[in-house]
């Protein structure tokens, strides 16, 4: 569910609040186009794994910020169905202490893919699975830069399987939102390719990966009503519905990929929306219960119409 800004002006647009009488019929219907906002008691929350720095990967003692060369490339994304995908070129510096100095004795350059998924059957409790599969080479070196040069070396491979069922822990906030970390276990298999780097069997380590922690309490939407029928656009999702005899509604919103969906149920009633410089009377959604899935994760909430957007 892509986060976009919608002007929250509860205005009747073009045909707002008009009563149309058909020339061929004596029946009339109430019609309106309105931007409204539903304020939830508690926010809808879900996480988005991914990023363009090593923190997006499961970091552990074997693979971490200290031993990953800055020339490494990390591109990891999550689609609307919760599928994790990406590419990496991981350049690891193998160091040793010589006297009072720490020197790079070898470097490994792996290139490959990232795959996985994020799921949650209960809101805010994600399971993150991530696999890194890469091949490349290792080379002895006394230089900390591996780019743009030939060298002798040996074939190297890397396979990391990470799984986390921990709750996301917020660590920082910036203009992009809240960054959190999830903790889990990495099972690591690698072949160094040269004797300077000791070969080990499967390594199991505690690891952490950064995720974006999404929190949506205010749900802006465009509602087009025509009699007992209506259409709704909320962010990048769309759906249609109708009212029953008790003025209750149900609408199923879906995005274009079929990955994210949200069912809205609630009550329609007359409301007064107060904006700076104007007061508008409109019949629209006044209470809403939401339930669905965003990026592979269950979300659920309850909200009421914000009469002072």
C-alpha atoms as a PDB file:
ATOM      1  CA  UNK A   1       0.000   0.000   0.000  1.00  0.00           C
ATOM      2  CA  UNK A   2       1.845   3.042  -1.224  1.00  0.00           C
ATOM      3  CA  UNK A   3       1.667   6.042   1.052  1.00  0.00           C
ATOM      4  CA  UNK A   4       0.473   9.147  -0.789  1.00  0.00           C
ATOM      5  CA  UNK A   5      -0.867  12.441   0.401  1.00  0.00           C
ATOM      6  CA  UNK A   6      -4.524  13.291  -0.259  1.00  0.00           C
ATOM      7  CA  UNK A   7      -6.009  16.676   0.564  1.00  0.00           C
ATOM      8  CA  UNK A   8      -8.495  15.989   3.334  1.00  0.00           C
ATOM      9  CA  UNK A   9     -11.238  18.438   2.367  1.00  0.00           C
ATOM     10  CA  UNK A  10     -14.725  17.138   2.960  1.00  0.00           C
ATOM     11  CA  UNK A  11     -16.147  19.015  -0.003  1.00  0.00           C
ATOM     12  CA  UNK A  12     -18.812  18.071  -2.492  1.00  0.00           C
ATOM     13  CA  UNK A  13     -17.052  18.303  -5.829  1.00  0.00           C
ATOM     14  CA  UNK A  14     -18.784  18.842  -9.176  1.00  0.00           C
ATOM     15  CA  UNK A  15     -22.060  17.279  -8.057  1.00  0.00           C
ATOM     16  CA  UNK A  16     -21.571  17.497  -4.322  1.00  0.00           C
ATOM     17  CA  UNK A  17     -24.706  17.083  -2.283  1.00  0.00           C
ATOM     18  CA  UNK A  18     -26.963  17.618  -5.278  1.00  0.00           C
ATOM     19  CA  UNK A  19     -30.318  15.885  -5.623  1.00  0.00           C
ATOM     20  CA  UNK A  20     -30.799  14.661  -9.186  1.00  0.00           C
ATOM     21  CA  UNK A  21     -34.266  14.130 -10.595  1.00  0.00           C
ATOM     22  CA  UNK A  22     -34.534  12.008 -13.715  1.00  0.00           C
ATOM     23  CA  UNK A  23     -36.569  13.414 -16.573  1.00  0.00           C
ATOM     24  CA  UNK A  24     -38.004   9.932 -17.132  1.00  0.00           C
ATOM     25  CA  UNK A  25     -38.667   9.108 -13.486  1.00  0.00           C
ATOM     26  CA  UNK A  26     -39.958  10.773 -10.351  1.00  0.00           C
ATOM     27  CA  UNK A  27     -37.199   9.164  -8.229  1.00  0.00           C
ATOM     28  CA  UNK A  28     -34.300  11.233  -6.930  1.00  0.00           C
ATOM     29  CA  UNK A  29     -30.939  10.258  -5.466  1.00  0.00           C
ATOM     30  CA  UNK A  30     -28.382  11.999  -3.294  1.00  0.00           C
ATOM     31  CA  UNK A  31     -24.982  12.276  -4.995  1.00  0.00           C
ATOM     32  CA  UNK A  32     -21.642  13.620  -3.803  1.00  0.00           C
ATOM     33  CA  UNK A  33     -17.893  13.451  -4.307  1.00  0.00           C
ATOM     34  CA  UNK A  34     -15.970  13.958  -1.091  1.00  0.00           C
ATOM     35  CA  UNK A  35     -12.511  13.670   0.424  1.00  0.00           C
ATOM     36  CA  UNK A  36     -12.805  12.354   3.967  1.00  0.00           C
ATOM     37  CA  UNK A  37     -10.415  11.050   6.602  1.00  0.00           C
ATOM     38  CA  UNK A  38     -10.998   8.195   9.030  1.00  0.00           C
ATOM     39  CA  UNK A  39      -9.005   8.444  12.273  1.00  0.00           C
ATOM     40  CA  UNK A  40      -8.278   5.068  13.838  1.00  0.00           C
ATOM     41  CA  UNK A  41      -8.238   4.347  17.550  1.00  0.00           C
ATOM     42  CA  UNK A  42      -4.895   2.587  16.940  1.00  0.00           C
ATOM     43  CA  UNK A  43      -2.815   2.693  13.736  1.00  0.00           C
ATOM     44  CA  UNK A  44      -2.534   0.000  11.105  1.00  0.00           C
ATOM     45  CA  UNK A  45       1.055  -1.289  11.296  1.00  0.00           C
ATOM     46  CA  UNK A  46       3.248  -3.436   9.055  1.00  0.00           C
ATOM     47  CA  UNK A  47       6.923  -3.648   8.132  1.00  0.00           C
ATOM     48  CA  UNK A  48       8.752  -3.302   4.827  1.00  0.00           C
ATOM     49  CA  UNK A  49      12.113  -5.078   4.600  1.00  0.00           C
ATOM     50  CA  UNK A  50      14.648  -3.660   2.167  1.00  0.00           C
ATOM     51  CA  UNK A  51      16.955  -0.786   1.436  1.00  0.00           C
ATOM     52  CA  UNK A  52      20.160   0.186  -0.302  1.00  0.00           C
ATOM     53  CA  UNK A  53      22.684  -0.243   2.505  1.00  0.00           C
ATOM     54  CA  UNK A  54      24.087  -3.365   4.209  1.00  0.00           C
ATOM     55  CA  UNK A  55      21.696  -2.810   7.143  1.00  0.00           C
ATOM     56  CA  UNK A  56      18.905  -4.169   4.899  1.00  0.00           C
ATOM     57  CA  UNK A  57      20.634  -7.566   5.066  1.00  0.00           C
ATOM     58  CA  UNK A  58      20.817  -9.939   8.060  1.00  0.00           C
ATOM     59  CA  UNK A  59      23.985  -8.704   9.756  1.00  0.00           C
ATOM     60  CA  UNK A  60      25.924 -10.881  12.196  1.00  0.00           C
ATOM     61  CA  UNK A  61      29.539 -11.355  13.281  1.00  0.00           C
ATOM     62  CA  UNK A  62      30.282 -13.094   9.952  1.00  0.00           C
ATOM     63  CA  UNK A  63      28.786 -10.310   7.845  1.00  0.00           C
ATOM     64  CA  UNK A  64      28.592  -6.824   9.342  1.00  0.00           C
ATOM     65  CA  UNK A  65      29.257  -3.133   8.813  1.00  0.00           C
ATOM     66  CA  UNK A  66      32.835  -3.442  10.064  1.00  0.00           C
ATOM     67  CA  UNK A  67      33.992  -6.145   7.681  1.00  0.00           C
ATOM     68  CA  UNK A  68      31.934  -5.201   4.607  1.00  0.00           C
ATOM     69  CA  UNK A  69      33.913  -2.985   2.258  1.00  0.00           C
ATOM     70  CA  UNK A  70      32.194   0.351   1.401  1.00  0.00           C
ATOM     71  CA  UNK A  71      32.396  -0.610  -2.282  1.00  0.00           C
ATOM     72  CA  UNK A  72      29.716  -3.283  -1.687  1.00  0.00           C
ATOM     73  CA  UNK A  73      26.355  -2.963  -3.477  1.00  0.00           C
ATOM     74  CA  UNK A  74      23.030  -3.774  -1.785  1.00  0.00           C
ATOM     75  CA  UNK A  75      19.614  -3.382  -3.444  1.00  0.00           C
ATOM     76  CA  UNK A  76      16.707  -5.052  -1.619  1.00  0.00           C
ATOM     77  CA  UNK A  77      12.965  -4.445  -2.122  1.00  0.00           C
ATOM     78  CA  UNK A  78       9.607  -5.814  -0.979  1.00  0.00           C
ATOM     79  CA  UNK A  79       6.601  -6.008  -3.336  1.00  0.00           C
ATOM     80  CA  UNK A  80       2.913  -5.613  -2.452  1.00  0.00           C
ATOM     81  CA  UNK A  81       2.535  -9.354  -1.784  1.00  0.00           C
ATOM     82  CA  UNK A  82       5.377  -9.411   0.740  1.00  0.00           C
ATOM     83  CA  UNK A  83       7.936 -10.948  -1.618  1.00  0.00           C
ATOM     84  CA  UNK A  84      11.510  -9.853  -0.875  1.00  0.00           C
ATOM     85  CA  UNK A  85      13.871  -9.602  -3.832  1.00  0.00           C
ATOM     86  CA  UNK A  86      17.176  -7.957  -4.639  1.00  0.00           C
ATOM     87  CA  UNK A  87      20.783  -8.124  -5.808  1.00  0.00           C
ATOM     88  CA  UNK A  88      24.102  -7.771  -4.026  1.00  0.00           C
ATOM     89  CA  UNK A  89      27.826  -7.517  -4.549  1.00  0.00           C
ATOM     90  CA  UNK A  90      29.253  -8.135  -1.102  1.00  0.00           C
ATOM     91  CA  UNK A  91      32.941  -7.388  -0.617  1.00  0.00           C
ATOM     92  CA  UNK A  92      34.217  -8.689   2.684  1.00  0.00           C
ATOM     93  CA  UNK A  93      37.535  -7.648   4.201  1.00  0.00           C
ATOM     94  CA  UNK A  94      39.305 -10.440   6.087  1.00  0.00           C
ATOM     95  CA  UNK A  95      41.573  -8.847   8.672  1.00  0.00           C
ATOM     96  CA  UNK A  96      44.247  -9.887  11.133  1.00  0.00           C
ATOM     97  CA  UNK A  97      46.203  -8.107  13.826  1.00  0.00           C
ATOM     98  CA  UNK A  98      49.891  -7.526  13.076  1.00  0.00           C
ATOM     99  CA  UNK A  99      51.585  -5.920  16.020  1.00  0.00           C
ATOM    100  CA  UNK A 100      49.547  -2.887  16.952  1.00  0.00           C
ATOM    101  CA  UNK A 101      47.819  -2.693  13.547  1.00  0.00           C
ATOM    102  CA  UNK A 102      44.811  -4.413  12.012  1.00  0.00           C
ATOM    103  CA  UNK A 103      45.459  -5.173   8.345  1.00  0.00           C
ATOM    104  CA  UNK A 104      43.424  -6.672   5.503  1.00  0.00           C
ATOM    105  CA  UNK A 105      44.907 -10.059   4.597  1.00  0.00           C
ATOM    106  CA  UNK A 106      42.335 -11.026   1.938  1.00  0.00           C
ATOM    107  CA  UNK A 107      39.129  -9.921   0.297  1.00  0.00           C
ATOM    108  CA  UNK A 108      36.138 -11.856  -1.002  1.00  0.00           C
ATOM    109  CA  UNK A 109      33.783 -10.479  -3.636  1.00  0.00           C
ATOM    110  CA  UNK A 110      30.429 -12.294  -3.886  1.00  0.00           C
ATOM    111  CA  UNK A 111      27.775 -11.335  -6.455  1.00  0.00           C
ATOM    112  CA  UNK A 112      24.275 -12.772  -6.393  1.00  0.00           C
ATOM    113  CA  UNK A 113      20.635 -12.457  -5.342  1.00  0.00           C
ATOM    114  CA  UNK A 114      18.449 -11.853  -2.314  1.00  0.00           C
ATOM    115  CA  UNK A 115      15.059 -13.551  -1.993  1.00  0.00           C
ATOM    116  CA  UNK A 116      12.521 -14.152   0.736  1.00  0.00           C
ATOM    117  CA  UNK A 117       9.206 -13.043   2.179  1.00  0.00           C
ATOM    118  CA  UNK A 118       7.522 -11.164   4.996  1.00  0.00           C
ATOM    119  CA  UNK A 119       4.262 -12.470   6.438  1.00  0.00           C
ATOM    120  CA  UNK A 120       2.078 -11.817   9.481  1.00  0.00           C
ATOM    121  CA  UNK A 121      -1.105 -13.590  10.540  1.00  0.00           C
ATOM    122  CA  UNK A 122      -1.499 -11.044  13.362  1.00  0.00           C
ATOM    123  CA  UNK A 123      -0.871  -7.336  12.944  1.00  0.00           C
ATOM    124  CA  UNK A 124       2.531  -6.164  14.121  1.00  0.00           C
ATOM    125  CA  UNK A 125       4.004  -9.655  14.468  1.00  0.00           C
ATOM    126  CA  UNK A 126       5.900 -10.301  11.221  1.00  0.00           C
ATOM    127  CA  UNK A 127       7.899 -13.323  10.143  1.00  0.00           C
ATOM    128  CA  UNK A 128      10.804 -12.263   7.920  1.00  0.00           C
ATOM    129  CA  UNK A 129      12.687 -14.836   5.847  1.00  0.00           C
ATOM    130  CA  UNK A 130      15.647 -13.860   3.687  1.00  0.00           C
ATOM    131  CA  UNK A 131      18.108 -15.885   1.611  1.00  0.00           C
ATOM    132  CA  UNK A 132      21.341 -14.649   0.069  1.00  0.00           C
ATOM    133  CA  UNK A 133      22.898 -16.800  -2.659  1.00  0.00           C
ATOM    134  CA  UNK A 134      26.101 -15.529  -4.230  1.00  0.00           C
ATOM    135  CA  UNK A 135      29.290 -16.667  -5.928  1.00  0.00           C
ATOM    136  CA  UNK A 136      32.598 -14.965  -6.657  1.00  0.00           C
ATOM    137  CA  UNK A 137      36.196 -15.182  -5.573  1.00  0.00           C
ATOM    138  CA  UNK A 138      38.644 -14.600  -2.751  1.00  0.00           C
ATOM    139  CA  UNK A 139      42.040 -13.018  -3.224  1.00  0.00           C
ATOM    140  CA  UNK A 140      44.998 -12.306  -0.915  1.00  0.00           C
ATOM    141  CA  UNK A 141      45.627  -8.584  -0.699  1.00  0.00           C
ATOM    142  CA  UNK A 142      47.482  -5.870   1.124  1.00  0.00           C
ATOM    143  CA  UNK A 143      45.244  -3.252  -0.435  1.00  0.00           C
ATOM    144  CA  UNK A 144      41.811  -2.382   0.953  1.00  0.00           C
ATOM    145  CA  UNK A 145      40.329  -1.645  -2.487  1.00  0.00           C
ATOM    146  CA  UNK A 146      39.381  -4.565  -4.708  1.00  0.00           C
ATOM    147  CA  UNK A 147      37.917  -2.583  -7.625  1.00  0.00           C
ATOM    148  CA  UNK A 148      39.410  -2.183 -11.101  1.00  0.00           C
ATOM    149  CA  UNK A 149      42.340  -4.531 -10.836  1.00  0.00           C
ATOM    150  CA  UNK A 150      43.303  -8.093 -11.748  1.00  0.00           C
ATOM    151  CA  UNK A 151      44.414 -10.495  -9.065  1.00  0.00           C
ATOM    152  CA  UNK A 152      44.992 -14.188  -8.501  1.00  0.00           C
ATOM    153  CA  UNK A 153      42.418 -15.928  -6.362  1.00  0.00           C
ATOM    154  CA  UNK A 154      40.073 -18.861  -5.874  1.00  0.00           C
ATOM    155  CA  UNK A 155      36.357 -19.546  -6.364  1.00  0.00           C
ATOM    156  CA  UNK A 156      34.189 -18.550  -3.400  1.00  0.00           C
ATOM    157  CA  UNK A 157      30.504 -19.070  -2.616  1.00  0.00           C
ATOM    158  CA  UNK A 158      28.038 -17.841   0.008  1.00  0.00           C
ATOM    159  CA  UNK A 159      24.628 -19.011   1.179  1.00  0.00           C
ATOM    160  CA  UNK A 160      22.832 -17.306   4.079  1.00  0.00           C
ATOM    161  CA  UNK A 161      19.364 -18.296   5.337  1.00  0.00           C
ATOM    162  CA  UNK A 162      17.839 -15.845   7.827  1.00  0.00           C
ATOM    163  CA  UNK A 163      14.570 -16.095   9.741  1.00  0.00           C
ATOM    164  CA  UNK A 164      13.069 -13.713  12.282  1.00  0.00           C
ATOM    165  CA  UNK A 165       9.828 -13.945  14.244  1.00  0.00           C
ATOM    166  CA  UNK A 166      10.710 -11.141  16.675  1.00  0.00           C
ATOM    167  CA  UNK A 167       8.762  -7.931  17.119  1.00  0.00           C
ATOM    168  CA  UNK A 168      10.280  -4.954  15.272  1.00  0.00           C
ATOM    169  CA  UNK A 169      12.209  -2.603  17.561  1.00  0.00           C
ATOM    170  CA  UNK A 170      12.327   1.079  16.434  1.00  0.00           C
ATOM    171  CA  UNK A 171      15.860   2.473  16.239  1.00  0.00           C
ATOM    172  CA  UNK A 172      15.609   5.786  14.352  1.00  0.00           C
ATOM    173  CA  UNK A 173      13.255   8.235  12.649  1.00  0.00           C
ATOM    174  CA  UNK A 174      13.897  10.403   9.611  1.00  0.00           C
ATOM    175  CA  UNK A 175      12.005  11.988   6.703  1.00  0.00           C
ATOM    176  CA  UNK A 176      11.422   8.494   5.240  1.00  0.00           C
ATOM    177  CA  UNK A 177       9.740   7.252   8.414  1.00  0.00           C
ATOM    178  CA  UNK A 178      10.652   4.936  11.259  1.00  0.00           C
ATOM    179  CA  UNK A 179      13.456   2.399  10.897  1.00  0.00           C
ATOM    180  CA  UNK A 180      13.254  -0.689  13.078  1.00  0.00           C
ATOM    181  CA  UNK A 181      15.252  -3.887  13.456  1.00  0.00           C
ATOM    182  CA  UNK A 182      14.100  -7.481  13.600  1.00  0.00           C
ATOM    183  CA  UNK A 183      16.287 -10.132  15.219  1.00  0.00           C
ATOM    184  CA  UNK A 184      16.622 -13.754  14.203  1.00  0.00           C
ATOM    185  CA  UNK A 185      19.028 -16.499  13.245  1.00  0.00           C
ATOM    186  CA  UNK A 186      21.291 -16.804  10.191  1.00  0.00           C
ATOM    187  CA  UNK A 187      22.593 -20.149   8.958  1.00  0.00           C
ATOM    188  CA  UNK A 188      25.680 -19.466   6.879  1.00  0.00           C
ATOM    189  CA  UNK A 189      27.542 -21.688   4.437  1.00  0.00           C
ATOM    190  CA  UNK A 190      30.569 -20.341   2.597  1.00  0.00           C
ATOM    191  CA  UNK A 191      33.603 -21.578   0.708  1.00  0.00           C
ATOM    192  CA  UNK A 192      36.508 -19.112   0.834  1.00  0.00           C
ATOM    193  CA  UNK A 193      38.446 -20.528  -2.114  1.00  0.00           C
ATOM    194  CA  UNK A 194      41.923 -19.760  -0.699  1.00  0.00           C
ATOM    195  CA  UNK A 195      43.845 -21.165   2.242  1.00  0.00           C
ATOM    196  CA  UNK A 196      44.505 -17.750   3.774  1.00  0.00           C
ATOM    197  CA  UNK A 197      40.842 -17.770   4.817  1.00  0.00           C
ATOM    198  CA  UNK A 198      39.975 -20.745   7.054  1.00  0.00           C
ATOM    199  CA  UNK A 199      37.077 -22.840   5.765  1.00  0.00           C
ATOM    200  CA  UNK A 200      34.291 -23.548   8.229  1.00  0.00           C
ATOM    201  CA  UNK A 201      31.216 -25.736   8.152  1.00  0.00           C
ATOM    202  CA  UNK A 202      27.743 -24.278   8.656  1.00  0.00           C
ATOM    203  CA  UNK A 203      27.787 -21.276  10.996  1.00  0.00           C
ATOM    204  CA  UNK A 204      24.703 -20.360  13.019  1.00  0.00           C
ATOM    205  CA  UNK A 205      24.634 -16.792  14.350  1.00  0.00           C
ATOM    206  CA  UNK A 206      22.215 -14.268  15.790  1.00  0.00           C
ATOM    207  CA  UNK A 207      21.519 -11.621  13.162  1.00  0.00           C
ATOM    208  CA  UNK A 208      19.490  -8.431  12.751  1.00  0.00           C
ATOM    209  CA  UNK A 209      17.968  -6.808   9.678  1.00  0.00           C
ATOM    210  CA  UNK A 210      16.589  -3.299   9.256  1.00  0.00           C
ATOM    211  CA  UNK A 211      12.962  -2.793   8.181  1.00  0.00           C
ATOM    212  CA  UNK A 212      10.758   0.231   7.686  1.00  0.00           C
ATOM    213  CA  UNK A 213       8.030   0.327  10.349  1.00  0.00           C
ATOM    214  CA  UNK A 214       4.830   1.620   8.744  1.00  0.00           C
ATOM    215  CA  UNK A 215       2.145   3.124  10.964  1.00  0.00           C
ATOM    216  CA  UNK A 216      -1.081   4.565   9.503  1.00  0.00           C
ATOM    217  CA  UNK A 217      -3.621   6.060  11.880  1.00  0.00           C
ATOM    218  CA  UNK A 218      -5.166   8.592   9.518  1.00  0.00           C
ATOM    219  CA  UNK A 219      -6.792   7.009   6.451  1.00  0.00           C
ATOM    220  CA  UNK A 220      -7.683   9.581   3.773  1.00  0.00           C
ATOM    221  CA  UNK A 221     -10.020   8.440   1.016  1.00  0.00           C
ATOM    222  CA  UNK A 222     -12.114   9.744  -1.874  1.00  0.00           C
ATOM    223  CA  UNK A 223     -15.746   8.613  -1.732  1.00  0.00           C
ATOM    224  CA  UNK A 224     -18.101   9.039  -4.701  1.00  0.00           C
ATOM    225  CA  UNK A 225     -21.716   8.374  -3.630  1.00  0.00           C
ATOM    226  CA  UNK A 226     -24.698   8.031  -5.951  1.00  0.00           C
ATOM    227  CA  UNK A 227     -27.816   6.902  -4.186  1.00  0.00           C
ATOM    228  CA  UNK A 228     -27.196   3.583  -2.450  1.00  0.00           C
ATOM    229  CA  UNK A 229     -24.008   2.922  -4.432  1.00  0.00           C
ATOM    230  CA  UNK A 230     -20.505   4.305  -3.989  1.00  0.00           C
ATOM    231  CA  UNK A 231     -16.910   3.961  -5.107  1.00  0.00           C
ATOM    232  CA  UNK A 232     -13.842   4.444  -2.909  1.00  0.00           C
ATOM    233  CA  UNK A 233     -10.191   5.257  -3.651  1.00  0.00           C
ATOM    234  CA  UNK A 234      -7.789   4.970  -0.733  1.00  0.00           C
ATOM    235  CA  UNK A 235      -4.136   5.511  -1.587  1.00  0.00           C
ATOM    236  CA  UNK A 236      -3.529   3.058  -4.471  1.00  0.00           C
ATOM    237  CA  UNK A 237      -6.556   0.819  -3.733  1.00  0.00           C
ATOM    238  CA  UNK A 238     -10.052   0.928  -5.228  1.00  0.00           C
ATOM    239  CA  UNK A 239     -13.396  -0.720  -4.606  1.00  0.00           C
ATOM    240  CA  UNK A 240     -17.171  -0.312  -4.940  1.00  0.00           C
ATOM    241  CA  UNK A 241     -20.034  -1.084  -2.592  1.00  0.00           C
ATOM    242  CA  UNK A 242     -23.613  -0.339  -1.623  1.00  0.00           C
ATOM    243  CA  UNK A 243     -25.737   0.416   1.430  1.00  0.00           C
ATOM    244  CA  UNK A 244     -28.252  -1.901   3.095  1.00  0.00           C
ATOM    245  CA  UNK A 245     -31.550  -0.832   4.615  1.00  0.00           C
ATOM    246  CA  UNK A 246     -29.784   0.164   7.882  1.00  0.00           C
ATOM    247  CA  UNK A 247     -27.337   2.421   6.008  1.00  0.00           C
ATOM    248  CA  UNK A 248     -24.482   0.010   6.694  1.00  0.00           C
ATOM    249  CA  UNK A 249     -21.834  -0.576   4.052  1.00  0.00           C
ATOM    250  CA  UNK A 250     -19.166  -3.056   3.012  1.00  0.00           C
ATOM    251  CA  UNK A 251     -16.467  -2.399   0.422  1.00  0.00           C
ATOM    252  CA  UNK A 252     -13.461  -4.490  -0.576  1.00  0.00           C
ATOM    253  CA  UNK A 253     -10.486  -2.387  -1.663  1.00  0.00           C
ATOM    254  CA  UNK A 254      -7.700  -3.900  -3.776  1.00  0.00           C
ATOM    255  CA  UNK A 255      -4.583  -2.545  -5.395  1.00  0.00           C
ATOM    256  CA  UNK A 256      -3.752  -3.139  -9.055  1.00  0.00           C
ATOM    257  CA  UNK A 257      -1.376  -6.013  -8.325  1.00  0.00           C
ATOM    258  CA  UNK A 258      -3.726  -8.009  -6.113  1.00  0.00           C
ATOM    259  CA  UNK A 259      -1.114  -7.916  -3.365  1.00  0.00           C
ATOM    260  CA  UNK A 260      -2.719  -5.566  -0.853  1.00  0.00           C
ATOM    261  CA  UNK A 261      -6.408  -5.557   0.066  1.00  0.00           C
ATOM    262  CA  UNK A 262      -8.561  -3.962   2.740  1.00  0.00           C
ATOM    263  CA  UNK A 263     -12.189  -4.589   3.628  1.00  0.00           C
ATOM    264  CA  UNK A 264     -14.089  -1.637   5.063  1.00  0.00           C
ATOM    265  CA  UNK A 265     -17.322  -2.075   7.017  1.00  0.00           C
ATOM    266  CA  UNK A 266     -19.280   0.584   8.816  1.00  0.00           C
ATOM    267  CA  UNK A 267     -22.085   3.075   9.064  1.00  0.00           C
ATOM    268  CA  UNK A 268     -23.158   5.920   6.796  1.00  0.00           C
ATOM    269  CA  UNK A 269     -24.788   8.951   8.387  1.00  0.00           C
ATOM    270  CA  UNK A 270     -25.132  12.714   8.072  1.00  0.00           C
ATOM    271  CA  UNK A 271     -22.100  14.647   9.309  1.00  0.00           C
ATOM    272  CA  UNK A 272     -20.878  18.229   9.555  1.00  0.00           C
ATOM    273  CA  UNK A 273     -17.300  18.751   8.369  1.00  0.00           C
ATOM    274  CA  UNK A 274     -15.591  21.896   9.626  1.00  0.00           C
ATOM    275  CA  UNK A 275     -12.742  23.235   7.491  1.00  0.00           C
ATOM    276  CA  UNK A 276     -11.006  26.610   7.819  1.00  0.00           C
ATOM    277  CA  UNK A 277     -13.419  29.087   6.293  1.00  0.00           C
ATOM    278  CA  UNK A 278     -16.200  26.600   5.510  1.00  0.00           C
ATOM    279  CA  UNK A 279     -18.677  24.170   7.030  1.00  0.00           C
ATOM    280  CA  UNK A 280     -20.043  21.324   4.929  1.00  0.00           C
ATOM    281  CA  UNK A 281     -22.982  19.015   5.486  1.00  0.00           C
ATOM    282  CA  UNK A 282     -22.531  15.612   3.924  1.00  0.00           C
ATOM    283  CA  UNK A 283     -23.789  12.056   4.229  1.00  0.00           C
ATOM    284  CA  UNK A 284     -20.773   9.763   4.319  1.00  0.00           C
ATOM    285  CA  UNK A 285     -18.869   7.082   6.251  1.00  0.00           C
ATOM    286  CA  UNK A 286     -18.933   7.913   9.969  1.00  0.00           C
ATOM    287  CA  UNK A 287     -17.631   4.678  11.540  1.00  0.00           C
ATOM    288  CA  UNK A 288     -15.334   2.202   9.810  1.00  0.00           C
ATOM    289  CA  UNK A 289     -13.852  -1.193  10.729  1.00  0.00           C
ATOM    290  CA  UNK A 290     -10.870  -2.234   8.580  1.00  0.00           C
ATOM    291  CA  UNK A 291      -9.441  -5.683   8.013  1.00  0.00           C
ATOM    292  CA  UNK A 292      -7.089  -6.927   5.341  1.00  0.00           C
ATOM    293  CA  UNK A 293      -3.529  -7.530   4.247  1.00  0.00           C
ATOM    294  CA  UNK A 294      -0.727  -5.165   3.259  1.00  0.00           C
ATOM    295  CA  UNK A 295       2.567  -6.456   1.844  1.00  0.00           C
ATOM    296  CA  UNK A 296       1.736  -9.977   2.999  1.00  0.00           C
ATOM    297  CA  UNK A 297       0.825  -8.918   6.556  1.00  0.00           C
ATOM    298  CA  UNK A 298      -2.513  -8.834   8.340  1.00  0.00           C
ATOM    299  CA  UNK A 299      -3.809  -5.428   9.422  1.00  0.00           C
ATOM    300  CA  UNK A 300      -6.920  -4.583  11.423  1.00  0.00           C
ATOM    301  CA  UNK A 301      -8.392  -1.428  12.933  1.00  0.00           C
ATOM    302  CA  UNK A 302     -11.406   0.687  13.824  1.00  0.00           C
ATOM    303  CA  UNK A 303     -11.941   4.377  13.203  1.00  0.00           C
ATOM    304  CA  UNK A 304     -14.371   7.271  13.039  1.00  0.00           C
ATOM    305  CA  UNK A 305     -14.843  10.182  10.681  1.00  0.00           C
ATOM    306  CA  UNK A 306     -12.525  13.101  11.372  1.00  0.00           C
ATOM    307  CA  UNK A 307     -14.874  16.089  11.290  1.00  0.00           C
ATOM    308  CA  UNK A 308     -12.012  18.607  11.519  1.00  0.00           C
ATOM    309  CA  UNK A 309      -9.470  17.414   8.922  1.00  0.00           C
END
